[in-house]
C-alpha cells in the first residue's frame, strides 16, 4: 500500500498519526518553503484506497510542527513562524481555541507529554528557548534556557516523568527536568554539525537517538554519554526527522534532505530499507501506533505518503496481529 495526498502549494513540515483514531493523520505545512506566506493544517483520514481530507485549517504564518493531545481525541497543538503555538479543536472551530505567544522568533517544535497524569506541552524556538505550557493557562509555566543556537526539536521521555530532550543548532542534545528549571541536567556534544532531531526509544528509557546535518544518526545511553552506543551512516545529506518504532525496539526510521526515508536495524547498525518517493526534502515522518508497520511522511514536494514498507523488519509483529 502506498497512498498519496497532495497539499497543493503547501510544503509539508510534519505529520502525526492520531493516538486515538487508527485512520486519522494530521499534517502541517507552509507556503513558499516556510520563508513567507501562510500555513495550513490538514486533518486526513486514511482508507484502504485513498487519503481523504476531513478538515482544513489555515493560519497567517507558516506551521512547522504539531502534536496531538493525549487527553482529548480532537485537540492538537501546532507551532508557527510567528512565535506562537495554537490549540485547535478539529471537531469544531475554524479558529484556534487558544493562541499562546511568548517566543520571540519562529517555533520549530511542540510535543505533548505522554507520561500518565501529565498534560504538558513543550515548545522549542529559534529564540534558543524552550517553554513549558499547560494549555488551560494563558502563560507558560517555565522557560528553559541554555542552548546557544536554534532549538530544532523537543521530545518528552515516554517513561521518565518530567524529563525531555532537545536538539539544537549548537551541536548538542540536552536533557531537562521540568522540576529542575535552573538548567539542563545533561549536555551531550552529539554531532559535528547542527542537531535537527531527537527521539527516545519506546522500549528502553535510557536510550535516545539524535540526527544531524552531518547526515549521521547516533544512539546515546543516558547512563554514559561519553560516546555514542551506535552510529548509523547512509544518508547523503541532513537527517531532518527520526522516529523510533512503537512496535519493534530495535527499529528506527529517518527522513532526510536527500529525498529519502530509511529504516534501520539499530542493534546491527544497518539500513534495511530505503524509500525514495519524494522529489524534495523530506521533513515529516511518523509511525501509526494502531497499525504495525504503517508509516506516513511529508515533504517540500507537496506530497503526503502513507505506506507499509516492504522491509521484513515488521513481519513478526504483523503476523502476530493478524
Protein backbone atom coordinates (compact mmCIF):
# COMPACT_ATOMS: atom_id res chain seq x y z
CA UNK A 1 0.00 0.00 0.00
CA UNK A 2 1.27 3.45 -0.95
CA UNK A 3 -1.33 6.21 -0.82
CA UNK A 4 -0.64 9.84 -1.70
CA UNK A 5 -2.28 13.14 -0.82
CA UNK A 6 -1.24 16.46 -2.37
CA UNK A 7 -1.15 19.54 -0.13
CA UNK A 8 -1.41 21.89 -3.14
CA UNK A 9 1.03 24.81 -2.89
CA UNK A 10 1.81 23.93 0.73
CA UNK A 11 5.17 22.42 1.62
CA UNK A 12 4.91 19.70 4.26
CA UNK A 13 6.77 20.06 7.55
CA UNK A 14 5.36 17.48 9.97
CA UNK A 15 2.90 14.57 10.08
CA UNK A 16 1.44 12.80 13.11
CA UNK A 17 -0.98 9.90 13.40
CA UNK A 18 -3.73 10.29 15.99
CA UNK A 19 -3.20 8.41 19.28
CA UNK A 20 -6.96 7.73 19.31
CA UNK A 21 -8.20 7.03 15.77
CA UNK A 22 -6.32 4.40 13.70
CA UNK A 23 -7.12 6.08 10.39
CA UNK A 24 -6.52 9.72 11.34
CA UNK A 25 -3.48 11.70 10.33
CA UNK A 26 -2.58 15.39 10.63
CA UNK A 27 -0.10 17.35 8.53
CA UNK A 28 1.18 20.91 8.96
CA UNK A 29 2.57 22.85 6.02
CA UNK A 30 3.71 26.25 4.83
CA UNK A 31 3.67 28.37 1.69
CA UNK A 32 6.90 29.30 -0.07
CA UNK A 33 9.03 26.77 1.80
CA UNK A 34 8.28 28.46 5.13
CA UNK A 35 10.03 31.69 4.18
CA UNK A 36 6.84 33.72 3.69
CA UNK A 37 3.10 33.29 3.38
CA UNK A 38 0.61 31.35 5.48
CA UNK A 39 0.38 27.82 6.82
CA UNK A 40 -2.23 25.07 6.69
CA UNK A 41 -3.23 22.22 8.97
CA UNK A 42 -4.68 19.22 7.15
CA UNK A 43 -6.78 16.64 9.00
CA UNK A 44 -6.82 13.46 6.93
CA UNK A 45 -8.43 10.03 7.16
CA UNK A 46 -6.62 7.08 5.59
CA UNK A 47 -8.77 4.48 3.85
CA UNK A 48 -7.65 1.32 2.01
CA UNK A 49 -7.70 3.06 -1.37
CA UNK A 50 -7.43 6.77 -0.64
CA UNK A 51 -6.48 9.54 1.76
CA UNK A 52 -9.49 11.77 2.33
CA UNK A 53 -9.43 15.38 3.54
CA UNK A 54 -11.59 15.80 6.67
CA UNK A 55 -10.81 19.38 7.72
CA UNK A 56 -8.52 22.17 6.57
CA UNK A 57 -7.41 24.98 8.87
CA UNK A 58 -5.37 27.99 7.76
CA UNK A 59 -3.05 30.17 9.80
CA UNK A 60 -1.50 33.51 8.90
CA UNK A 61 2.08 32.22 9.15
CA UNK A 62 3.91 29.01 8.39
CA UNK A 63 3.17 25.92 10.51
CA UNK A 64 6.21 23.80 11.32
CA UNK A 65 5.20 21.09 13.79
CA UNK A 66 2.22 19.57 15.58
CA UNK A 67 1.37 17.30 18.49
CA UNK A 68 -1.90 15.55 19.33
CA UNK A 69 -3.34 15.88 22.82
CA UNK A 70 -3.09 12.79 24.99
CA UNK A 71 -6.33 13.57 26.88
CA UNK A 72 -8.71 14.69 24.10
CA UNK A 73 -9.07 12.98 20.73
CA UNK A 74 -9.95 16.21 18.91
CA UNK A 75 -7.33 18.59 20.29
CA UNK A 76 -3.92 19.24 18.80
CA UNK A 77 -1.26 21.93 19.08
CA UNK A 78 0.69 23.49 16.22
CA UNK A 79 3.91 25.54 16.09
CA UNK A 80 4.10 28.66 13.96
CA UNK A 81 6.58 31.01 12.37
CA UNK A 82 5.05 34.00 14.15
CA UNK A 83 6.35 32.82 17.53
CA UNK A 84 3.03 31.39 18.70
CA UNK A 85 1.56 27.97 19.31
CA UNK A 86 -2.08 27.30 18.50
CA UNK A 87 -4.51 24.94 20.26
CA UNK A 88 -7.13 23.55 17.86
CA UNK A 89 -10.31 21.54 18.29
CA UNK A 90 -10.51 19.78 14.94
CA UNK A 91 -14.12 18.71 15.51
CA UNK A 92 -15.45 22.23 15.88
CA UNK A 93 -13.94 25.60 15.21
CA UNK A 94 -12.16 27.02 12.17
CA UNK A 95 -10.14 29.22 14.52
CA UNK A 96 -7.89 28.08 17.37
CA UNK A 97 -9.30 27.53 20.84
CA UNK A 98 -6.30 29.39 22.17
CA UNK A 99 -3.19 31.17 20.88
CA UNK A 100 -0.16 31.16 23.15
CA UNK A 101 2.57 33.58 22.17
CA UNK A 102 5.69 34.18 24.20
CA UNK A 103 8.50 33.08 21.90
CA UNK A 104 10.16 35.98 20.09
CA UNK A 105 11.01 34.00 16.94
CA UNK A 106 9.74 31.01 14.96
CA UNK A 107 8.56 27.97 16.90
CA UNK A 108 10.05 24.83 15.37
CA UNK A 109 8.76 22.09 17.62
CA UNK A 110 5.98 21.11 20.02
CA UNK A 111 5.41 17.90 21.99
CA UNK A 112 2.68 16.74 24.38
CA UNK A 113 3.77 14.78 27.45
CA UNK A 114 2.95 11.07 27.30
CA UNK A 115 3.54 10.47 30.98
CA UNK A 116 0.39 9.42 32.80
CA UNK A 117 -1.34 12.24 34.67
CA UNK A 118 0.81 14.86 32.92
CA UNK A 119 -0.79 17.09 30.32
CA UNK A 120 2.01 19.47 29.49
CA UNK A 121 3.25 20.79 26.16
CA UNK A 122 6.82 21.90 25.44
CA UNK A 123 7.86 24.18 22.58
CA UNK A 124 11.27 24.90 21.06
CA UNK A 125 12.14 28.03 19.11
CA UNK A 126 14.61 29.98 17.01
CA UNK A 127 14.93 32.26 20.05
CA UNK A 128 17.04 29.45 21.66
CA UNK A 129 14.48 28.86 24.42
CA UNK A 130 12.17 26.00 25.42
CA UNK A 131 8.87 26.75 27.11
CA UNK A 132 6.62 24.54 29.23
CA UNK A 133 2.87 25.10 28.85
CA UNK A 134 -0.35 23.95 30.42
CA UNK A 135 -2.81 24.74 27.63
CA UNK A 136 -5.51 25.60 30.18
CA UNK A 137 -3.44 28.63 31.17
CA UNK A 138 -2.61 31.72 29.13
CA UNK A 139 1.03 31.97 30.13
CA UNK A 140 3.88 29.49 30.05
CA UNK A 141 4.78 27.76 33.30
CA UNK A 142 8.55 27.72 32.81
CA UNK A 143 11.23 28.80 30.35
CA UNK A 144 14.35 26.68 29.88
CA UNK A 145 17.50 28.49 28.74
CA UNK A 146 20.96 27.25 27.88
CA UNK A 147 21.08 26.43 24.19
CA UNK A 148 23.35 28.71 22.21
CA UNK A 149 21.54 28.32 18.90
CA UNK A 150 18.13 27.44 17.42
CA UNK A 151 16.16 24.70 19.19
CA UNK A 152 15.02 22.47 16.34
CA UNK A 153 13.31 19.65 18.21
CA UNK A 154 11.91 18.78 21.63
CA UNK A 155 10.84 15.33 22.79
CA UNK A 156 9.30 14.16 26.08
CA UNK A 157 10.73 10.95 27.54
CA UNK A 158 7.93 8.35 27.36
CA UNK A 159 8.99 6.55 30.53
CA UNK A 160 10.69 9.15 32.74
CA UNK A 161 8.18 11.57 34.30
CA UNK A 162 9.01 15.23 33.75
CA UNK A 163 12.06 14.60 31.56
CA UNK A 164 12.54 15.78 27.98
CA UNK A 165 15.30 16.15 25.41
CA UNK A 166 16.10 18.95 22.97
CA UNK A 167 18.14 19.12 19.78
CA UNK A 168 19.87 22.34 18.75
CA UNK A 169 21.96 24.09 16.16
CA UNK A 170 24.68 24.41 18.82
CA UNK A 171 25.62 20.76 18.01
CA UNK A 172 24.24 19.46 21.30
CA UNK A 173 21.42 17.36 22.67
CA UNK A 174 20.37 18.39 26.15
CA UNK A 175 18.23 16.74 28.80
CA UNK A 176 15.89 18.69 31.03
CA UNK A 177 13.62 18.05 34.00
CA UNK A 178 10.58 20.28 34.43
CA UNK A 179 11.09 20.03 38.21
CA UNK A 180 14.60 21.48 37.81
CA UNK A 181 14.17 24.65 35.71
CA UNK A 182 17.52 26.10 36.73
CA UNK A 183 19.32 24.36 33.85
CA UNK A 184 19.79 21.22 31.81
CA UNK A 185 20.56 18.02 33.68
CA UNK A 186 22.81 16.60 30.95
CA UNK A 187 24.59 18.03 27.91
CA UNK A 188 25.71 15.79 25.05
CA UNK A 189 28.08 17.17 22.37
CA UNK A 190 26.26 14.94 19.93
CA UNK A 191 27.42 15.85 16.42
CA UNK A 192 29.90 17.81 14.38
CA UNK A 193 27.04 19.78 12.83
CA UNK A 194 23.68 21.20 13.86
CA UNK A 195 21.39 18.66 15.53
CA UNK A 196 17.96 18.78 13.91
CA UNK A 197 16.07 15.95 15.59
CA UNK A 198 15.94 13.54 18.52
CA UNK A 199 13.66 10.75 19.69
CA UNK A 200 13.52 8.31 22.58
CA UNK A 201 13.48 4.53 22.32
CA UNK A 202 9.99 3.28 23.23
CA UNK A 203 11.36 0.15 24.93
CA UNK A 204 14.40 1.35 26.89
CA UNK A 205 14.05 4.53 28.94
CA UNK A 206 17.80 5.16 28.83
CA UNK A 207 18.22 5.25 25.06
CA UNK A 208 17.93 8.44 22.99
CA UNK A 209 18.72 8.99 19.30
CA UNK A 210 19.85 12.14 17.50
CA UNK A 211 20.12 13.16 13.84
CA UNK A 212 22.19 15.95 12.34
CA UNK A 213 23.06 17.99 9.28
CA UNK A 214 26.18 15.80 9.09
CA UNK A 215 23.91 13.00 7.81
CA UNK A 216 24.61 10.79 10.82
CA UNK A 217 22.24 9.27 13.38
CA UNK A 218 23.64 8.42 16.79
CA UNK A 219 22.24 6.48 19.71
CA UNK A 220 23.02 7.51 23.28
CA UNK A 221 22.76 5.71 26.60
CA UNK A 222 21.82 8.22 29.28
CA UNK A 223 23.84 6.28 31.86
CA UNK A 224 27.04 7.01 29.92
CA UNK A 225 27.00 9.72 27.27
CA UNK A 226 30.78 9.94 26.81
CA UNK A 227 30.44 8.18 23.45
CA UNK A 228 27.55 7.00 21.27
CA UNK A 229 26.34 3.43 21.68
CA UNK A 230 25.66 3.21 17.94
CA UNK A 231 26.15 5.21 14.75
CA UNK A 232 24.01 4.93 11.63
CA UNK A 233 25.51 6.21 8.38
CA UNK A 234 23.89 6.18 4.96
CA UNK A 235 22.10 9.47 4.38
CA UNK A 236 23.92 11.76 1.96
CA UNK A 237 22.50 14.96 3.45
CA UNK A 238 20.98 16.25 6.67
CA UNK A 239 18.77 13.99 8.78
CA UNK A 240 15.67 16.12 9.42
CA UNK A 241 13.47 13.73 11.43
CA UNK A 242 13.89 10.44 13.25
CA UNK A 243 11.19 8.24 14.73
CA UNK A 244 11.65 5.09 16.78
CA UNK A 245 9.24 2.23 16.15
CA UNK A 246 6.40 1.76 18.65
CA UNK A 247 6.36 -1.97 17.86
CA UNK A 248 9.97 -3.10 17.38
CA UNK A 249 12.51 -1.83 19.88
CA UNK A 250 15.47 -2.13 17.52
CA UNK A 251 13.88 -0.31 14.57
CA UNK A 252 14.27 3.38 13.77
CA UNK A 253 13.14 5.44 10.77
CA UNK A 254 14.75 8.62 9.45
CA UNK A 255 13.77 11.32 6.94
CA UNK A 256 16.39 13.32 5.12
CA UNK A 257 17.16 16.21 2.82
CA UNK A 258 18.44 13.56 0.37
CA UNK A 259 14.73 12.97 -0.51
CA UNK A 260 14.66 9.56 1.20
CA UNK A 261 13.29 7.77 4.24
CA UNK A 262 15.41 4.97 5.68
CA UNK A 263 14.58 2.15 8.08
CA UNK A 264 17.38 0.97 10.35
CA UNK A 265 18.01 -2.11 12.45
CA UNK A 266 19.78 -0.40 15.31
CA UNK A 267 21.33 -3.43 17.02
CA UNK A 268 23.13 -4.39 13.80
CA UNK A 269 23.62 -0.73 12.79
CA UNK A 270 22.42 -1.40 9.25
CA UNK A 271 19.89 0.19 6.91
CA UNK A 272 17.26 -2.42 6.00
CA UNK A 273 15.08 -0.34 3.68
CA UNK A 274 15.25 2.90 1.69
CA UNK A 275 12.06 4.58 0.48
CA UNK A 276 12.50 7.11 -2.30
CA UNK A 277 9.11 8.51 -3.28
CA UNK A 278 9.79 12.22 -2.75
CA UNK A 279 11.42 14.69 -5.12
CA UNK A 280 12.25 17.27 -2.45
CA UNK A 281 13.39 17.46 1.18
CA UNK A 282 11.50 15.04 3.45
CA UNK A 283 10.54 16.85 6.64
CA UNK A 284 7.76 14.91 8.41
CA UNK A 285 7.73 11.27 9.50
CA UNK A 286 5.64 9.13 11.82
CA UNK A 287 4.60 5.57 12.72
CA UNK A 288 0.96 4.61 13.20
CA UNK A 289 0.72 3.20 16.74
CA UNK A 290 -2.51 1.36 15.83
CA UNK A 291 -1.31 -0.33 12.64
CA UNK A 292 2.04 -2.16 12.89
CA UNK A 293 4.40 -1.10 10.16
CA UNK A 294 2.25 1.67 8.69
CA UNK A 295 4.13 4.93 8.23
CA UNK A 296 3.49 8.43 6.90
CA UNK A 297 5.81 11.14 5.67
CA UNK A 298 5.60 14.56 4.03
CA UNK A 299 7.96 16.80 2.12
CA UNK A 300 8.57 20.01 0.29
CA UNK A 301 7.22 18.42 -2.92
CA UNK A 302 3.68 18.98 -1.53
CA UNK A 303 3.08 15.24 -1.04
CA UNK A 304 1.95 13.21 1.96
CA UNK A 305 2.59 9.47 1.61
CA UNK A 306 1.08 6.69 3.74
CA UNK A 307 2.65 3.29 3.19
CA UNK A 308 3.73 -0.08 4.55
CA UNK A 309 7.46 -0.62 3.89
CA UNK A 310 8.38 -3.86 2.17
CA UNK A 311 11.17 -4.49 4.67
CA UNK A 312 10.85 -7.68 6.71
CA UNK A 313 11.62 -5.90 9.99
CA UNK A 314 7.91 -5.63 10.76
CA UNK A 315 6.91 -9.11 9.59
CA UNK A 316 6.89 -10.84 13.02
CA UNK A 317 4.68 -8.14 14.52
CA UNK A 318 2.26 -8.08 11.60
CA UNK A 319 1.85 -11.86 11.60
CA UNK A 320 1.06 -11.87 15.31
CA UNK A 321 -1.56 -9.15 14.89
CA UNK A 322 -3.21 -10.97 12.00
